[in-house]
Each structure stands twice: as structure tokens, then as C-alpha cells.
Amino acid sequence: MAIHEMGVYGARNGTGLGAERGVEKCGRIEWVRSDAQSRRFRMSRLVLMAMVGLLAGCVGYTTYPPEDGQWAGSDPNGLQLEAVMAASLHRVITDHPPPDVNGEGARLAINLPAGLHPIRYERVVEKLGLGSVALTEESSALPRYSVKTIRLRAKNAEVDVFRPVYASLSGPDTQMITVTLTGGVTPWRVERVQEWAPGAFEPPVPYYLMSVEQWDADLEAAREAERAAKQAEKDAKKKAAEEDEG
């Protein structure tokens, strides 16, 4: 660039390492950071990006039940998932409450995803209130509200909730409602509700609340079955390789 196109003006933001120099380019003054100030600016951006990443990581990425080829987690256990399920159920039950037959306040059963820890199961029901109890053999005759699918992507979430259709005598007896929420770092709030035609989707199978001891035993049995399956696959590959060599 020709010398007459540039001119250096006085510093602002003080002098020394933190100063900026005013440089004229084609009649326009641009303020240029010093090397030290540029380094601090870059470090600030990195720290900010790391903080955003940590906040997003605290909320997480989860899809339940798992889908083919998904990269997100599929474990339904998590504080954010508890809050998302409670907020979604609260909206659906508030919009479509069960009938209060005897005037003493309606009771209803909550059916949550399979694999949810019993303590978390009870905590979601406790957060929800509204006369709800966890689904058990004893409460299975109550009106049932179920969570089937959860899609959590940082500050955005979608939950598919099934509610009973009370006015139906011979038609479908459940309806799926998709609740879209935002939150995570802040409390989850409902942004949109999509009500699908009754009977358009199959409700989830019942997952009864169990004891912690039973849950632990089931988890260990599932892990043992997985280990056995992996070992059987490994043994089959080894045998096939030996036969090829022979």
C-alpha cells in the first residue's frame, strides 16, 4: 500500500501494551489492537466459548428411546430430563385433566420411561403434583399419563406425552401430544404444544415403579447379558478365523 494512503494517529485506551493505534486507510480511521491486547482478546473469546460449551454440556444431548445411528445419549436418568418430563406432563394434565367423579380431586397414574431409576421416578411425580402417583400394579386402574419419547438438545427439548381420551366410548382411548420446551440453564418453559389425532400413535408399554434393590438387580442382569453377548461374538470370530487358517 502506498505511504500516502496510511497515517498513524494517536493512541486510545491509554499507552503501552494495552493501547490501540488509529491507522488511516484510504481516508478511514481503523483502530488496531496491540499484540498484547489481541492476545487478551483471543483468550477472552476462548474462555467465553469454553463457558458456553460447559453450560451446554451440563444440559446435554439425549434421545430416548435410542434411534438408529444416533450420536446423542439414550439414558433417561438425569436432572434435566426429570425437569423436562415434569414440565411436559404438567402442561398436558393441565390442558386435559382427568374427570373428578366424586368431587374429592382426581387421581392419576404417571408412566415414565423404562430404565428410569426409582428415586428419579418418584421425584418426577413429586415435582408434578396434581394428584399424580407413580404407576404400580395398585394404581394401574387410574387414568394414565405416559412419557414415551424425549429429545433433548442443549436448551431445546421435545417430549411425546400420551393422555387418556375420556370422551371416547368405542374409538381410540389415547392421544399423543408433543410438547416443545426451552430452558436448561433457566427453568424449562413450554413453547409449543402439538396435539395429534387420537389413536395415531401407539402408547408406550407400562413401566411400573420398582424398588431400588430390584432396579439394581435388573441393571446387573442386563450388564451381564451384554458381557455374555460380547464374549460370544468374540469367541465366534476367533473360531471362524481358526477355521479359515485350517
C-alpha atoms as a PDB file:
ATOM      1  CA  MET A   1       0.000   0.000   0.000  1.00  0.00           C
ATOM      2  CA  ALA A   2       1.298   3.454  -0.860  1.00  0.00           C
ATOM      3  CA  ILE A   3       2.540   5.517   2.071  1.00  0.00           C
ATOM      4  CA  HIS A   4       0.166   8.401   1.358  1.00  0.00           C
ATOM      5  CA  GLU A   5      -2.830   6.073   1.909  1.00  0.00           C
ATOM      6  CA  MET A   6      -1.930   5.457   5.549  1.00  0.00           C
ATOM      7  CA  GLY A   7      -1.344   7.666   8.524  1.00  0.00           C
ATOM      8  CA  VAL A   8      -0.841   6.780  12.182  1.00  0.00           C
ATOM      9  CA  TYR A   9      -2.988   8.665  14.705  1.00  0.00           C
ATOM     10  CA  GLY A  10      -2.725   8.965  18.479  1.00  0.00           C
ATOM     11  CA  ALA A  11      -3.409   6.038  20.767  1.00  0.00           C
ATOM     12  CA  ARG A  12      -6.635   5.468  22.688  1.00  0.00           C
ATOM     13  CA  ASN A  13      -7.274   3.273  25.740  1.00  0.00           C
ATOM     14  CA  GLY A  14      -4.029   4.506  27.250  1.00  0.00           C
ATOM     15  CA  THR A  15      -0.492   3.832  26.165  1.00  0.00           C
ATOM     16  CA  GLY A  16       1.860   0.890  26.218  1.00  0.00           C
ATOM     17  CA  LEU A  17       0.848  -2.761  25.779  1.00  0.00           C
ATOM     18  CA  GLY A  18      -2.891  -2.131  26.094  1.00  0.00           C
ATOM     19  CA  ALA A  19      -3.066   0.789  23.678  1.00  0.00           C
ATOM     20  CA  GLU A  20      -4.739   0.852  20.266  1.00  0.00           C
ATOM     21  CA  ARG A  21      -3.334   2.810  17.332  1.00  0.00           C
ATOM     22  CA  GLY A  22      -5.503   4.693  14.916  1.00  0.00           C
ATOM     23  CA  VAL A  23      -4.494   3.856  11.340  1.00  0.00           C
ATOM     24  CA  GLU A  24      -5.915   5.723   8.359  1.00  0.00           C
ATOM     25  CA  LYS A  25      -6.722   3.550   5.368  1.00  0.00           C
ATOM     26  CA  CYS A  26      -7.987   5.372   2.289  1.00  0.00           C
ATOM     27  CA  GLY A  27      -9.407   8.232   4.353  1.00  0.00           C
ATOM     28  CA  ARG A  28     -10.953   5.936   7.016  1.00  0.00           C
ATOM     29  CA  ILE A  29      -9.513   5.528  10.511  1.00  0.00           C
ATOM     30  CA  GLU A  30      -9.306   1.980  11.821  1.00  0.00           C
ATOM     31  CA  TRP A  31      -8.264   1.208  15.390  1.00  0.00           C
ATOM     32  CA  VAL A  32      -5.722  -1.585  15.561  1.00  0.00           C
ATOM     33  CA  ARG A  33      -5.102  -3.538  18.777  1.00  0.00           C
ATOM     34  CA  SER A  34      -1.585  -4.058  20.033  1.00  0.00           C
ATOM     35  CA  ASP A  35      -0.191  -7.610  20.123  1.00  0.00           C
ATOM     36  CA  ALA A  36      -0.754  -7.915  23.877  1.00  0.00           C
ATOM     37  CA  GLN A  37      -4.304  -6.643  23.622  1.00  0.00           C
ATOM     38  CA  SER A  38      -5.036  -9.028  20.751  1.00  0.00           C
ATOM     39  CA  ARG A  39      -3.775 -11.931  22.842  1.00  0.00           C
ATOM     40  CA  ARG A  40      -6.043 -10.932  25.739  1.00  0.00           C
ATOM     41  CA  PHE A  41      -8.971 -10.584  23.352  1.00  0.00           C
ATOM     42  CA  ARG A  42      -8.377 -14.046  21.930  1.00  0.00           C
ATOM     43  CA  MET A  43      -8.081 -15.527  25.418  1.00  0.00           C
ATOM     44  CA  SER A  44     -11.368 -13.884  26.455  1.00  0.00           C
ATOM     45  CA  ARG A  45     -13.111 -15.404  23.458  1.00  0.00           C
ATOM     46  CA  LEU A  46     -11.719 -18.846  24.266  1.00  0.00           C
ATOM     47  CA  VAL A  47     -12.851 -18.592  27.897  1.00  0.00           C
ATOM     48  CA  LEU A  48     -16.324 -17.483  26.783  1.00  0.00           C
ATOM     49  CA  MET A  49     -16.590 -20.340  24.281  1.00  0.00           C
ATOM     50  CA  ALA A  50     -15.498 -22.812  26.963  1.00  0.00           C
ATOM     51  CA  MET A  51     -18.123 -21.496  29.380  1.00  0.00           C
ATOM     52  CA  VAL A  52     -20.839 -21.823  26.733  1.00  0.00           C
ATOM     53  CA  GLY A  53     -19.685 -25.356  25.991  1.00  0.00           C
ATOM     54  CA  LEU A  54     -19.755 -26.294  29.669  1.00  0.00           C
ATOM     55  CA  LEU A  55     -23.242 -24.878  30.104  1.00  0.00           C
ATOM     56  CA  ALA A  56     -24.477 -26.776  27.081  1.00  0.00           C
ATOM     57  CA  GLY A  57     -22.747 -29.900  28.328  1.00  0.00           C
ATOM     58  CA  CYS A  58     -24.483 -29.627  31.702  1.00  0.00           C
ATOM     59  CA  VAL A  59     -27.826 -29.791  29.885  1.00  0.00           C
ATOM     60  CA  GLY A  60     -26.702 -32.487  27.474  1.00  0.00           C
ATOM     61  CA  TYR A  61     -27.941 -34.244  24.361  1.00  0.00           C
ATOM     62  CA  THR A  62     -30.283 -37.184  24.860  1.00  0.00           C
ATOM     63  CA  THR A  63     -32.747 -39.121  22.720  1.00  0.00           C
ATOM     64  CA  TYR A  64     -34.938 -41.719  24.379  1.00  0.00           C
ATOM     65  CA  PRO A  65     -35.671 -44.318  23.220  1.00  0.00           C
ATOM     66  CA  PRO A  66     -32.477 -44.563  21.129  1.00  0.00           C
ATOM     67  CA  GLU A  67     -32.741 -44.209  17.363  1.00  0.00           C
ATOM     68  CA  ASP A  68     -30.654 -45.935  14.697  1.00  0.00           C
ATOM     69  CA  GLY A  69     -27.315 -44.222  14.177  1.00  0.00           C
ATOM     70  CA  GLN A  70     -27.834 -41.599  16.858  1.00  0.00           C
ATOM     71  CA  TRP A  71     -24.841 -39.931  18.494  1.00  0.00           C
ATOM     72  CA  ALA A  72     -26.710 -38.497  21.468  1.00  0.00           C
ATOM     73  CA  GLY A  73     -27.035 -40.385  24.742  1.00  0.00           C
ATOM     74  CA  SER A  74     -30.078 -42.543  25.466  1.00  0.00           C
ATOM     75  CA  ASP A  75     -30.076 -42.834  29.271  1.00  0.00           C
ATOM     76  CA  PRO A  76     -33.355 -41.396  30.647  1.00  0.00           C
ATOM     77  CA  ASN A  77     -31.725 -40.670  34.020  1.00  0.00           C
ATOM     78  CA  GLY A  78     -30.721 -37.053  34.566  1.00  0.00           C
ATOM     79  CA  LEU A  79     -31.813 -33.935  36.430  1.00  0.00           C
ATOM     80  CA  GLN A  80     -32.633 -32.036  33.251  1.00  0.00           C
ATOM     81  CA  LEU A  81     -34.685 -34.950  31.955  1.00  0.00           C
ATOM     82  CA  GLU A  82     -36.612 -35.022  35.227  1.00  0.00           C
ATOM     83  CA  ALA A  83     -37.452 -31.329  34.851  1.00  0.00           C
ATOM     84  CA  VAL A  84     -38.384 -31.708  31.173  1.00  0.00           C
ATOM     85  CA  MET A  85     -40.710 -34.642  31.857  1.00  0.00           C
ATOM     86  CA  ALA A  86     -42.379 -32.897  34.808  1.00  0.00           C
ATOM     87  CA  ALA A  87     -42.953 -29.679  32.839  1.00  0.00           C
ATOM     88  CA  SER A  88     -44.372 -31.553  29.829  1.00  0.00           C
ATOM     89  CA  LEU A  89     -46.685 -33.717  31.913  1.00  0.00           C
ATOM     90  CA  HIS A  90     -47.856 -30.687  33.882  1.00  0.00           C
ATOM     91  CA  ARG A  91     -48.895 -28.919  30.681  1.00  0.00           C
ATOM     92  CA  VAL A  92     -50.747 -31.929  29.248  1.00  0.00           C
ATOM     93  CA  ILE A  93     -52.539 -32.738  32.509  1.00  0.00           C
ATOM     94  CA  THR A  94     -53.488 -29.089  32.992  1.00  0.00           C
ATOM     95  CA  ASP A  95     -54.916 -28.931  29.460  1.00  0.00           C
ATOM     96  CA  HIS A  96     -56.615 -32.348  29.729  1.00  0.00           C
ATOM     97  CA  PRO A  97     -57.301 -33.131  33.391  1.00  0.00           C
ATOM     98  CA  PRO A  98     -58.932 -36.402  34.431  1.00  0.00           C
ATOM     99  CA  PRO A  99     -62.584 -36.233  35.467  1.00  0.00           C
ATOM    100  CA  ASP A 100     -63.242 -35.578  39.142  1.00  0.00           C
ATOM    101  CA  VAL A 101     -66.059 -38.083  39.639  1.00  0.00           C
ATOM    102  CA  ASN A 102     -66.665 -37.745  43.380  1.00  0.00           C
ATOM    103  CA  GLY A 103     -65.587 -34.151  43.826  1.00  0.00           C
ATOM    104  CA  GLU A 104     -62.634 -35.064  46.039  1.00  0.00           C
ATOM    105  CA  GLY A 105     -59.941 -34.318  43.475  1.00  0.00           C
ATOM    106  CA  ALA A 106     -58.977 -36.639  40.642  1.00  0.00           C
ATOM    107  CA  ARG A 107     -56.069 -39.018  40.976  1.00  0.00           C
ATOM    108  CA  LEU A 108     -53.952 -40.182  38.052  1.00  0.00           C
ATOM    109  CA  ALA A 109     -51.060 -42.530  37.355  1.00  0.00           C
ATOM    110  CA  ILE A 110     -47.775 -41.456  35.754  1.00  0.00           C
ATOM    111  CA  ASN A 111     -45.969 -43.891  33.441  1.00  0.00           C
ATOM    112  CA  LEU A 112     -42.322 -42.919  32.844  1.00  0.00           C
ATOM    113  CA  PRO A 113     -39.610 -44.326  30.527  1.00  0.00           C
ATOM    114  CA  ALA A 114     -38.249 -47.816  31.113  1.00  0.00           C
ATOM    115  CA  GLY A 115     -34.894 -47.815  32.879  1.00  0.00           C
ATOM    116  CA  LEU A 116     -35.614 -44.716  34.958  1.00  0.00           C
ATOM    117  CA  HIS A 117     -34.207 -45.090  38.468  1.00  0.00           C
ATOM    118  CA  PRO A 118     -36.925 -45.456  41.132  1.00  0.00           C
ATOM    119  CA  ILE A 119     -35.718 -42.399  43.050  1.00  0.00           C
ATOM    120  CA  ARG A 120     -35.899 -40.277  39.900  1.00  0.00           C
ATOM    121  CA  TYR A 121     -39.300 -41.794  39.063  1.00  0.00           C
ATOM    122  CA  GLU A 122     -40.681 -40.723  42.440  1.00  0.00           C
ATOM    123  CA  ARG A 123     -39.024 -37.320  42.181  1.00  0.00           C
ATOM    124  CA  VAL A 124     -40.717 -36.543  38.850  1.00  0.00           C
ATOM    125  CA  VAL A 125     -44.099 -37.492  40.318  1.00  0.00           C
ATOM    126  CA  GLU A 126     -43.411 -35.371  43.394  1.00  0.00           C
ATOM    127  CA  LYS A 127     -42.450 -32.356  41.255  1.00  0.00           C
ATOM    128  CA  LEU A 128     -45.570 -32.816  39.172  1.00  0.00           C
ATOM    129  CA  GLY A 129     -48.196 -32.934  41.912  1.00  0.00           C
ATOM    130  CA  LEU A 130     -51.744 -32.574  40.510  1.00  0.00           C
ATOM    131  CA  GLY A 131     -52.937 -35.681  42.323  1.00  0.00           C
ATOM    132  CA  SER A 132     -50.469 -37.892  40.492  1.00  0.00           C
ATOM    133  CA  VAL A 133     -48.944 -41.150  41.722  1.00  0.00           C
ATOM    134  CA  ALA A 134     -46.341 -43.416  40.160  1.00  0.00           C
ATOM    135  CA  LEU A 135     -47.641 -46.262  38.018  1.00  0.00           C
ATOM    136  CA  THR A 136     -47.788 -49.502  40.010  1.00  0.00           C
ATOM    137  CA  GLU A 137     -49.973 -52.582  39.952  1.00  0.00           C
ATOM    138  CA  GLU A 138     -52.173 -50.885  42.548  1.00  0.00           C
ATOM    139  CA  SER A 139     -52.544 -47.618  40.581  1.00  0.00           C
ATOM    140  CA  SER A 140     -52.871 -49.193  37.121  1.00  0.00           C
ATOM    141  CA  ALA A 141     -56.654 -48.636  37.043  1.00  0.00           C
ATOM    142  CA  LEU A 142     -56.261 -44.843  37.391  1.00  0.00           C
ATOM    143  CA  PRO A 143     -56.226 -42.523  34.352  1.00  0.00           C
ATOM    144  CA  ARG A 144     -52.722 -42.899  32.905  1.00  0.00           C
ATOM    145  CA  TYR A 145     -50.420 -40.219  31.502  1.00  0.00           C
ATOM    146  CA  SER A 146     -47.251 -41.566  29.876  1.00  0.00           C
ATOM    147  CA  VAL A 147     -43.944 -40.212  28.591  1.00  0.00           C
ATOM    148  CA  LYS A 148     -42.832 -42.122  25.503  1.00  0.00           C
ATOM    149  CA  THR A 149     -40.129 -40.080  23.741  1.00  0.00           C
ATOM    150  CA  ILE A 150     -37.654 -37.416  24.898  1.00  0.00           C
ATOM    151  CA  ARG A 151     -35.447 -35.403  22.547  1.00  0.00           C
ATOM    152  CA  LEU A 152     -33.079 -33.106  24.458  1.00  0.00           C
ATOM    153  CA  ARG A 153     -30.694 -30.820  22.566  1.00  0.00           C
ATOM    154  CA  ALA A 154     -28.973 -28.412  24.989  1.00  0.00           C
ATOM    155  CA  LYS A 155     -31.561 -25.687  25.628  1.00  0.00           C
ATOM    156  CA  ASN A 156     -34.283 -27.236  23.437  1.00  0.00           C
ATOM    157  CA  ALA A 157     -36.434 -30.272  24.188  1.00  0.00           C
ATOM    158  CA  GLU A 158     -39.381 -32.194  22.778  1.00  0.00           C
ATOM    159  CA  VAL A 159     -41.401 -34.704  24.773  1.00  0.00           C
ATOM    160  CA  ASP A 160     -44.147 -37.018  23.489  1.00  0.00           C
ATOM    161  CA  VAL A 161     -46.795 -37.431  26.185  1.00  0.00           C
ATOM    162  CA  PHE A 162     -49.801 -39.754  25.959  1.00  0.00           C
ATOM    163  CA  ARG A 163     -53.005 -38.850  27.720  1.00  0.00           C
ATOM    164  CA  PRO A 164     -56.284 -40.775  28.076  1.00  0.00           C
ATOM    165  CA  VAL A 165     -59.204 -39.799  25.855  1.00  0.00           C
ATOM    166  CA  TYR A 166     -62.162 -39.627  28.216  1.00  0.00           C
ATOM    167  CA  ALA A 167     -64.988 -38.834  25.786  1.00  0.00           C
ATOM    168  CA  SER A 168     -64.276 -41.836  23.555  1.00  0.00           C
ATOM    169  CA  LEU A 169     -66.637 -44.807  24.007  1.00  0.00           C
ATOM    170  CA  SER A 170     -65.619 -47.031  21.105  1.00  0.00           C
ATOM    171  CA  GLY A 171     -62.808 -45.087  19.409  1.00  0.00           C
ATOM    172  CA  PRO A 172     -59.140 -44.589  20.371  1.00  0.00           C
ATOM    173  CA  ASP A 173     -58.514 -44.316  24.091  1.00  0.00           C
ATOM    174  CA  THR A 174     -55.198 -42.401  23.981  1.00  0.00           C
ATOM    175  CA  GLN A 175     -53.816 -39.299  22.277  1.00  0.00           C
ATOM    176  CA  MET A 176     -50.181 -38.285  21.773  1.00  0.00           C
ATOM    177  CA  ILE A 177     -49.251 -34.675  22.479  1.00  0.00           C
ATOM    178  CA  THR A 178     -45.798 -33.329  21.584  1.00  0.00           C
ATOM    179  CA  VAL A 179     -44.596 -30.630  23.964  1.00  0.00           C
ATOM    180  CA  THR A 180     -41.744 -28.342  22.854  1.00  0.00           C
ATOM    181  CA  LEU A 181     -39.764 -26.596  25.585  1.00  0.00           C
ATOM    182  CA  THR A 182     -36.776 -24.309  26.066  1.00  0.00           C
ATOM    183  CA  GLY A 183     -34.642 -23.904  29.168  1.00  0.00           C
ATOM    184  CA  GLY A 184     -31.895 -25.856  30.861  1.00  0.00           C
ATOM    185  CA  VAL A 185     -29.774 -23.110  32.380  1.00  0.00           C
ATOM    186  CA  THR A 186     -33.077 -21.369  33.156  1.00  0.00           C
ATOM    187  CA  PRO A 187     -36.277 -23.216  34.205  1.00  0.00           C
ATOM    188  CA  TRP A 188     -37.897 -25.170  31.395  1.00  0.00           C
ATOM    189  CA  ARG A 189     -40.916 -23.496  29.847  1.00  0.00           C
ATOM    190  CA  VAL A 190     -43.385 -24.716  27.252  1.00  0.00           C
ATOM    191  CA  GLU A 191     -43.092 -23.003  23.867  1.00  0.00           C
ATOM    192  CA  ARG A 192     -45.497 -25.049  21.759  1.00  0.00           C
ATOM    193  CA  VAL A 193     -47.967 -27.928  22.025  1.00  0.00           C
ATOM    194  CA  GLN A 194     -48.856 -30.202  19.088  1.00  0.00           C
ATOM    195  CA  GLU A 195     -51.920 -32.417  19.577  1.00  0.00           C
ATOM    196  CA  TRP A 196     -52.095 -35.388  17.235  1.00  0.00           C
ATOM    197  CA  ALA A 197     -55.200 -37.290  16.206  1.00  0.00           C
ATOM    198  CA  PRO A 198     -56.331 -39.750  18.885  1.00  0.00           C
ATOM    199  CA  GLY A 199     -55.069 -43.240  18.123  1.00  0.00           C
ATOM    200  CA  ALA A 200     -52.499 -42.059  15.558  1.00  0.00           C
ATOM    201  CA  PHE A 201     -49.588 -43.368  17.656  1.00  0.00           C
ATOM    202  CA  GLU A 202     -49.156 -46.371  19.915  1.00  0.00           C
ATOM    203  CA  PRO A 203     -48.730 -45.532  23.614  1.00  0.00           C
ATOM    204  CA  PRO A 204     -45.709 -46.891  25.493  1.00  0.00           C
ATOM    205  CA  VAL A 205     -45.875 -50.113  27.443  1.00  0.00           C
ATOM    206  CA  PRO A 206     -46.342 -49.705  31.201  1.00  0.00           C
ATOM    207  CA  TYR A 207     -43.173 -49.359  33.267  1.00  0.00           C
ATOM    208  CA  TYR A 208     -44.092 -49.903  36.890  1.00  0.00           C
ATOM    209  CA  LEU A 209     -42.229 -48.246  39.726  1.00  0.00           C
ATOM    210  CA  MET A 210     -39.997 -50.842  41.392  1.00  0.00           C
ATOM    211  CA  SER A 211     -37.790 -50.971  44.448  1.00  0.00           C
ATOM    212  CA  VAL A 212     -34.211 -49.735  44.268  1.00  0.00           C
ATOM    213  CA  GLU A 213     -32.995 -53.264  45.017  1.00  0.00           C
ATOM    214  CA  GLN A 214     -34.961 -54.704  42.106  1.00  0.00           C
ATOM    215  CA  TRP A 215     -33.724 -51.941  39.787  1.00  0.00           C
ATOM    216  CA  ASP A 216     -30.101 -52.644  40.766  1.00  0.00           C
ATOM    217  CA  ALA A 217     -30.600 -56.372  40.190  1.00  0.00           C
ATOM    218  CA  ASP A 218     -32.182 -55.783  36.777  1.00  0.00           C
ATOM    219  CA  LEU A 219     -29.334 -53.454  35.796  1.00  0.00           C
ATOM    220  CA  GLU A 220     -26.691 -56.004  36.786  1.00  0.00           C
ATOM    221  CA  ALA A 221     -28.545 -58.742  34.890  1.00  0.00           C
ATOM    222  CA  ALA A 222     -28.671 -56.556  31.780  1.00  0.00           C
ATOM    223  CA  ARG A 223     -24.951 -55.799  32.048  1.00  0.00           C
ATOM    224  CA  GLU A 224     -24.132 -59.481  32.478  1.00  0.00           C
ATOM    225  CA  ALA A 225     -26.228 -60.358  29.429  1.00  0.00           C
ATOM    226  CA  GLU A 226     -24.385 -57.704  27.423  1.00  0.00           C
ATOM    227  CA  ARG A 227     -20.998 -59.028  28.551  1.00  0.00           C
ATOM    228  CA  ALA A 228     -22.034 -62.573  27.643  1.00  0.00           C
ATOM    229  CA  ALA A 229     -23.207 -61.460  24.196  1.00  0.00           C
ATOM    230  CA  LYS A 230     -19.917 -59.654  23.515  1.00  0.00           C
ATOM    231  CA  GLN A 231     -17.907 -62.667  24.646  1.00  0.00           C
ATOM    232  CA  ALA A 232     -19.975 -64.998  22.449  1.00  0.00           C
ATOM    233  CA  GLU A 233     -19.389 -62.732  19.456  1.00  0.00           C
ATOM    234  CA  LYS A 234     -15.659 -62.615  20.189  1.00  0.00           C
ATOM    235  CA  ASP A 235     -15.487 -66.415  20.510  1.00  0.00           C
ATOM    236  CA  ALA A 236     -17.399 -66.865  17.231  1.00  0.00           C
ATOM    237  CA  LYS A 237     -14.970 -64.572  15.378  1.00  0.00           C
ATOM    238  CA  LYS A 238     -11.985 -66.401  16.858  1.00  0.00           C
ATOM    239  CA  LYS A 239     -13.392 -69.768  15.841  1.00  0.00           C
ATOM    240  CA  ALA A 240     -14.114 -68.554  12.311  1.00  0.00           C
ATOM    241  CA  ALA A 241     -10.569 -67.219  11.986  1.00  0.00           C
ATOM    242  CA  GLU A 242      -9.093 -70.532  13.177  1.00  0.00           C
ATOM    243  CA  GLU A 243     -11.215 -72.468  10.656  1.00  0.00           C
ATOM    244  CA  ASP A 244     -10.067 -70.159   7.844  1.00  0.00           C
ATOM    245  CA  GLU A 245      -6.444 -70.752   8.792  1.00  0.00           C
ATOM    246  CA  GLY A 246      -7.018 -74.512   8.937  1.00  0.00           C
END
